C-alpha atoms as a PDB file:
ATOM      1  CA  MET A   1      21.741   1.044 -15.379  1.00  0.00           C
ATOM      2  CA  SER A   2      21.216  -2.585 -16.305  1.00  0.00           C
ATOM      3  CA  ASN A   3      19.576  -5.104 -14.023  1.00  0.00           C
ATOM      4  CA  GLN A   4      21.252  -7.858 -16.025  1.00  0.00           C
ATOM      5  CA  ILE A   5      24.334  -8.087 -13.805  1.00  0.00           C
ATOM      6  CA  PRO A   6      24.788 -11.779 -12.952  1.00  0.00           C
ATOM      7  CA  GLY A   7      24.152 -12.707  -9.342  1.00  0.00           C
ATOM      8  CA  VAL A   8      21.276 -10.349  -8.490  1.00  0.00           C
ATOM      9  CA  PRO A   9      18.981 -12.682  -6.502  1.00  0.00           C
ATOM     10  CA  GLU A  10      15.353 -13.286  -7.439  1.00  0.00           C
ATOM     11  CA  GLY A  11      13.100 -10.645  -5.873  1.00  0.00           C
ATOM     12  CA  TRP A  12      15.875  -8.050  -5.632  1.00  0.00           C
ATOM     13  CA  ILE A  13      16.829  -5.165  -7.921  1.00  0.00           C
ATOM     14  CA  ILE A  14      19.977  -3.092  -8.315  1.00  0.00           C
ATOM     15  CA  GLU A  15      19.735   0.141  -6.361  1.00  0.00           C
ATOM     16  CA  ARG A  16      23.109   1.529  -7.427  1.00  0.00           C
ATOM     17  CA  ILE A  17      26.754   0.656  -7.814  1.00  0.00           C
ATOM     18  CA  GLY A  18      29.144   2.304  -5.414  1.00  0.00           C
ATOM     19  CA  LYS A  19      30.245   2.335  -1.826  1.00  0.00           C
ATOM     20  CA  PRO A  20      27.675   0.685   0.479  1.00  0.00           C
ATOM     21  CA  ILE A  21      26.517   2.466   3.608  1.00  0.00           C
ATOM     22  CA  PHE A  22      27.395   0.478   6.739  1.00  0.00           C
ATOM     23  CA  ASN A  23      24.334  -1.346   8.212  1.00  0.00           C
ATOM     24  CA  VAL A  24      21.954   0.324   5.717  1.00  0.00           C
ATOM     25  CA  ASP A  25      22.601  -1.139   2.278  1.00  0.00           C
ATOM     26  CA  HIS A  26      22.275  -4.733   1.122  1.00  0.00           C
ATOM     27  CA  VAL A  27      24.969  -6.218  -1.100  1.00  0.00           C
ATOM     28  CA  ILE A  28      25.423  -9.609  -2.741  1.00  0.00           C
ATOM     29  CA  HIS A  29      27.353 -11.981  -0.459  1.00  0.00           C
ATOM     30  CA  TYR A  30      29.935 -14.334  -1.967  1.00  0.00           C
ATOM     31  CA  ASP A  31      27.375 -17.192  -1.713  1.00  0.00           C
ATOM     32  CA  GLY A  32      24.979 -15.206  -3.934  1.00  0.00           C
ATOM     33  CA  GLN A  33      22.568 -14.270  -1.130  1.00  0.00           C
ATOM     34  CA  PRO A  34      21.653 -10.720  -0.120  1.00  0.00           C
ATOM     35  CA  MET A  35      23.335  -9.512   3.049  1.00  0.00           C
ATOM     36  CA  LEU A  36      23.298  -6.325   5.058  1.00  0.00           C
ATOM     37  CA  CYS A  37      26.654  -4.617   4.673  1.00  0.00           C
ATOM     38  CA  ASP A  38      27.964  -5.105   8.206  1.00  0.00           C
ATOM     39  CA  TYR A  39      31.606  -4.268   7.625  1.00  0.00           C
ATOM     40  CA  ASP A  40      33.575  -1.189   6.630  1.00  0.00           C
ATOM     41  CA  SER A  41      33.518  -1.279   2.856  1.00  0.00           C
ATOM     42  CA  SER A  42      34.250   2.358   2.196  1.00  0.00           C
ATOM     43  CA  TYR A  43      37.162   1.291   0.029  1.00  0.00           C
ATOM     44  CA  LEU A  44      35.029  -1.018  -2.193  1.00  0.00           C
ATOM     45  CA  ASN A  45      32.603  -0.395  -5.007  1.00  0.00           C
ATOM     46  CA  ARG A  46      29.816  -2.945  -4.701  1.00  0.00           C
ATOM     47  CA  VAL A  47      26.456  -3.702  -6.280  1.00  0.00           C
ATOM     48  CA  ILE A  48      23.922  -2.333  -3.812  1.00  0.00           C
ATOM     49  CA  ILE A  49      20.557  -4.087  -4.068  1.00  0.00           C
ATOM     50  CA  ARG A  50      17.115  -3.638  -2.540  1.00  0.00           C
ATOM     51  CA  LYS A  51      14.199  -6.001  -2.124  1.00  0.00           C
ATOM     52  CA  ILE A  52      11.314  -5.499  -4.529  1.00  0.00           C
ATOM     53  CA  GLU A  53       8.299  -4.702  -2.387  1.00  0.00           C
ATOM     54  CA  LYS A  54       5.027  -6.116  -3.626  1.00  0.00           C
ATOM     55  CA  PRO A  55       2.193  -3.620  -3.391  1.00  0.00           C
ATOM     56  CA  ALA A  56      -0.420  -4.548  -0.822  1.00  0.00           C
ATOM     57  CA  LYS A  57      -3.642  -6.017  -2.179  1.00  0.00           C
ATOM     58  CA  TYR A  58      -7.087  -5.101  -0.936  1.00  0.00           C
ATOM     59  CA  ARG A  59     -10.659  -6.261  -1.476  1.00  0.00           C
ATOM     60  CA  PRO A  60     -13.996  -4.662  -0.560  1.00  0.00           C
ATOM     61  CA  PHE A  61     -15.395  -5.244   2.929  1.00  0.00           C
ATOM     62  CA  ALA A  62     -17.721  -8.262   2.957  1.00  0.00           C
ATOM     63  CA  ASN A  63     -19.957  -7.269   5.885  1.00  0.00           C
ATOM     64  CA  ALA A  64     -20.360  -5.093   8.965  1.00  0.00           C
ATOM     65  CA  GLU A  65     -18.109  -7.326  11.061  1.00  0.00           C
ATOM     66  CA  GLU A  66     -15.136  -6.733   8.737  1.00  0.00           C
ATOM     67  CA  PHE A  67     -15.851  -3.010   8.626  1.00  0.00           C
ATOM     68  CA  LYS A  68     -16.335  -2.624  12.409  1.00  0.00           C
ATOM     69  CA  PRO A  69     -12.648  -1.898  13.294  1.00  0.00           C
ATOM     70  CA  HIS A  70     -12.723   1.023  10.839  1.00  0.00           C
ATOM     71  CA  ARG A  71     -16.028   2.581  11.929  1.00  0.00           C
ATOM     72  CA  ASP A  72     -14.423   5.633  13.570  1.00  0.00           C
ATOM     73  CA  ARG A  73     -12.147   6.510  10.656  1.00  0.00           C
ATOM     74  CA  TRP A  74     -12.829   9.287   8.172  1.00  0.00           C
ATOM     75  CA  VAL A  75     -13.009   8.601   4.447  1.00  0.00           C
ATOM     76  CA  ARG A  76     -12.001  10.712   1.481  1.00  0.00           C
ATOM     77  CA  VAL A  77     -13.721  10.668  -1.890  1.00  0.00           C
ATOM     78  CA  ILE A  78     -11.200  10.003  -4.670  1.00  0.00           C
ATOM     79  CA  GLY A  79     -13.552   9.963  -7.629  1.00  0.00           C
ATOM     80  CA  ASP A  80     -16.875   9.132  -9.138  1.00  0.00           C
ATOM     81  CA  CYS A  81     -18.169   5.607  -9.194  1.00  0.00           C
ATOM     82  CA  ASP A  82     -20.723   4.377 -11.699  1.00  0.00           C
ATOM     83  CA  ASP A  83     -22.608   2.463  -8.995  1.00  0.00           C
ATOM     84  CA  CYS A  84     -22.718   5.298  -6.440  1.00  0.00           C
ATOM     85  CA  GLU A  85     -25.816   7.401  -6.142  1.00  0.00           C
ATOM     86  CA  PHE A  86     -24.132  10.362  -4.523  1.00  0.00           C
ATOM     87  CA  ASP A  87     -22.379  13.334  -6.004  1.00  0.00           C
ATOM     88  CA  PRO A  88     -18.930  13.807  -4.447  1.00  0.00           C
ATOM     89  CA  ASP A  89     -19.324  17.572  -4.827  1.00  0.00           C
ATOM     90  CA  ASP A  90     -22.307  17.497  -2.448  1.00  0.00           C
ATOM     91  CA  ILE A  91     -20.441  15.950   0.465  1.00  0.00           C
ATOM     92  CA  GLY A  92     -16.974  17.505   0.341  1.00  0.00           C
ATOM     93  CA  ASP A  93     -13.612  15.807   0.300  1.00  0.00           C
ATOM     94  CA  VAL A  94     -13.525  14.202   3.746  1.00  0.00           C
ATOM     95  CA  CYS A  95     -16.457  12.538   5.491  1.00  0.00           C
ATOM     96  CA  LYS A  96     -17.203  10.851   8.799  1.00  0.00           C
ATOM     97  CA  ILE A  97     -19.129   7.609   8.486  1.00  0.00           C
ATOM     98  CA  GLN A  98     -22.328   7.892  10.464  1.00  0.00           C
ATOM     99  CA  LEU A  99     -23.885   4.419  10.181  1.00  0.00           C
ATOM    100  CA  TYR A 100     -23.043   1.052   8.702  1.00  0.00           C
ATOM    101  CA  ASN A 101     -24.690  -2.330   8.236  1.00  0.00           C
ATOM    102  CA  ASP A 102     -23.916  -5.632   6.488  1.00  0.00           C
ATOM    103  CA  THR A 103     -24.113  -4.141   3.008  1.00  0.00           C
ATOM    104  CA  ALA A 104     -23.298  -0.431   3.124  1.00  0.00           C
ATOM    105  CA  ILE A 105     -22.110   2.694   4.926  1.00  0.00           C
ATOM    106  CA  ILE A 106     -24.116   5.882   5.351  1.00  0.00           C
ATOM    107  CA  PHE A 107     -22.783   9.414   5.540  1.00  0.00           C
ATOM    108  CA  TYR A 108     -24.520  12.719   4.843  1.00  0.00           C
ATOM    109  CA  HIS A 109     -27.718  10.865   3.858  1.00  0.00           C
ATOM    110  CA  ASN A 110     -25.832   8.913   1.186  1.00  0.00           C
ATOM    111  CA  CYS A 111     -25.750   5.141   1.161  1.00  0.00           C
ATOM    112  CA  VAL A 112     -22.701   3.521  -0.435  1.00  0.00           C
ATOM    113  CA  CYS A 113     -22.299  -0.241  -0.653  1.00  0.00           C
ATOM    114  CA  TYR A 114     -18.910  -1.675   0.295  1.00  0.00           C
ATOM    115  CA  HIS A 115     -18.120  -2.629  -3.308  1.00  0.00           C
ATOM    116  CA  SER A 116     -18.785   0.909  -4.586  1.00  0.00           C
ATOM    117  CA  GLY A 117     -16.925   2.446  -1.664  1.00  0.00           C
ATOM    118  CA  PHE A 118     -13.899   0.334  -2.553  1.00  0.00           C
ATOM    119  CA  GLN A 119     -13.861   2.044  -5.957  1.00  0.00           C
ATOM    120  CA  CYS A 120     -14.327   5.656  -4.915  1.00  0.00           C
ATOM    121  CA  LEU A 121     -13.217   6.029  -1.265  1.00  0.00           C
ATOM    122  CA  VAL A 122      -9.960   5.808   0.695  1.00  0.00           C
ATOM    123  CA  PHE A 123      -9.292   6.211   4.404  1.00  0.00           C
ATOM    124  CA  ASP A 124      -8.226   9.784   5.014  1.00  0.00           C
ATOM    125  CA  ASP A 125      -5.616   9.194   7.741  1.00  0.00           C
ATOM    126  CA  ASP A 126      -3.281   7.041   5.639  1.00  0.00           C
ATOM    127  CA  GLY A 127      -4.725   6.868   2.121  1.00  0.00           C
ATOM    128  CA  THR A 128      -5.293   3.116   2.196  1.00  0.00           C
ATOM    129  CA  PRO A 129      -8.121   1.720   0.064  1.00  0.00           C
ATOM    130  CA  PHE A 130     -11.591   1.383   1.554  1.00  0.00           C
ATOM    131  CA  GLY A 131     -11.374  -2.360   2.088  1.00  0.00           C
ATOM    132  CA  VAL A 132      -9.629  -5.280   3.743  1.00  0.00           C
ATOM    133  CA  ARG A 133      -5.931  -5.942   3.196  1.00  0.00           C
ATOM    134  CA  ILE A 134      -5.238  -9.379   1.764  1.00  0.00           C
ATOM    135  CA  ASP A 135      -2.150 -10.926   3.308  1.00  0.00           C
ATOM    136  CA  GLU A 136      -0.490 -13.460   1.072  1.00  0.00           C
END
């Protein structure tokens, strides 16, 4: 399917062409703007579009104050990190953070700085990166 159909607004992409689902699908309004299909269009074939979602951006924690709201969450090791001094095989897949300070976290006698943790850890409950979300 081509995304070269004239009239697809910036930041939107063609989902499919067909009959829109009432109050679920977005279509291109006659003024060229996206609109939620709020009328019975079961007799029409329309270009159904969806907004392109930008992936969330994260950065490493800067200090203990930024990390504090996450202190009770569990982390999962997702890989080796060149800067880390621990072996992921020694600690298992999921770990509870025991201590933290302005530069690092400590679990199972392993100290991991926030920068290294950003590279090799994620939060276990939702899989988000081990860091602070950057809202643009």
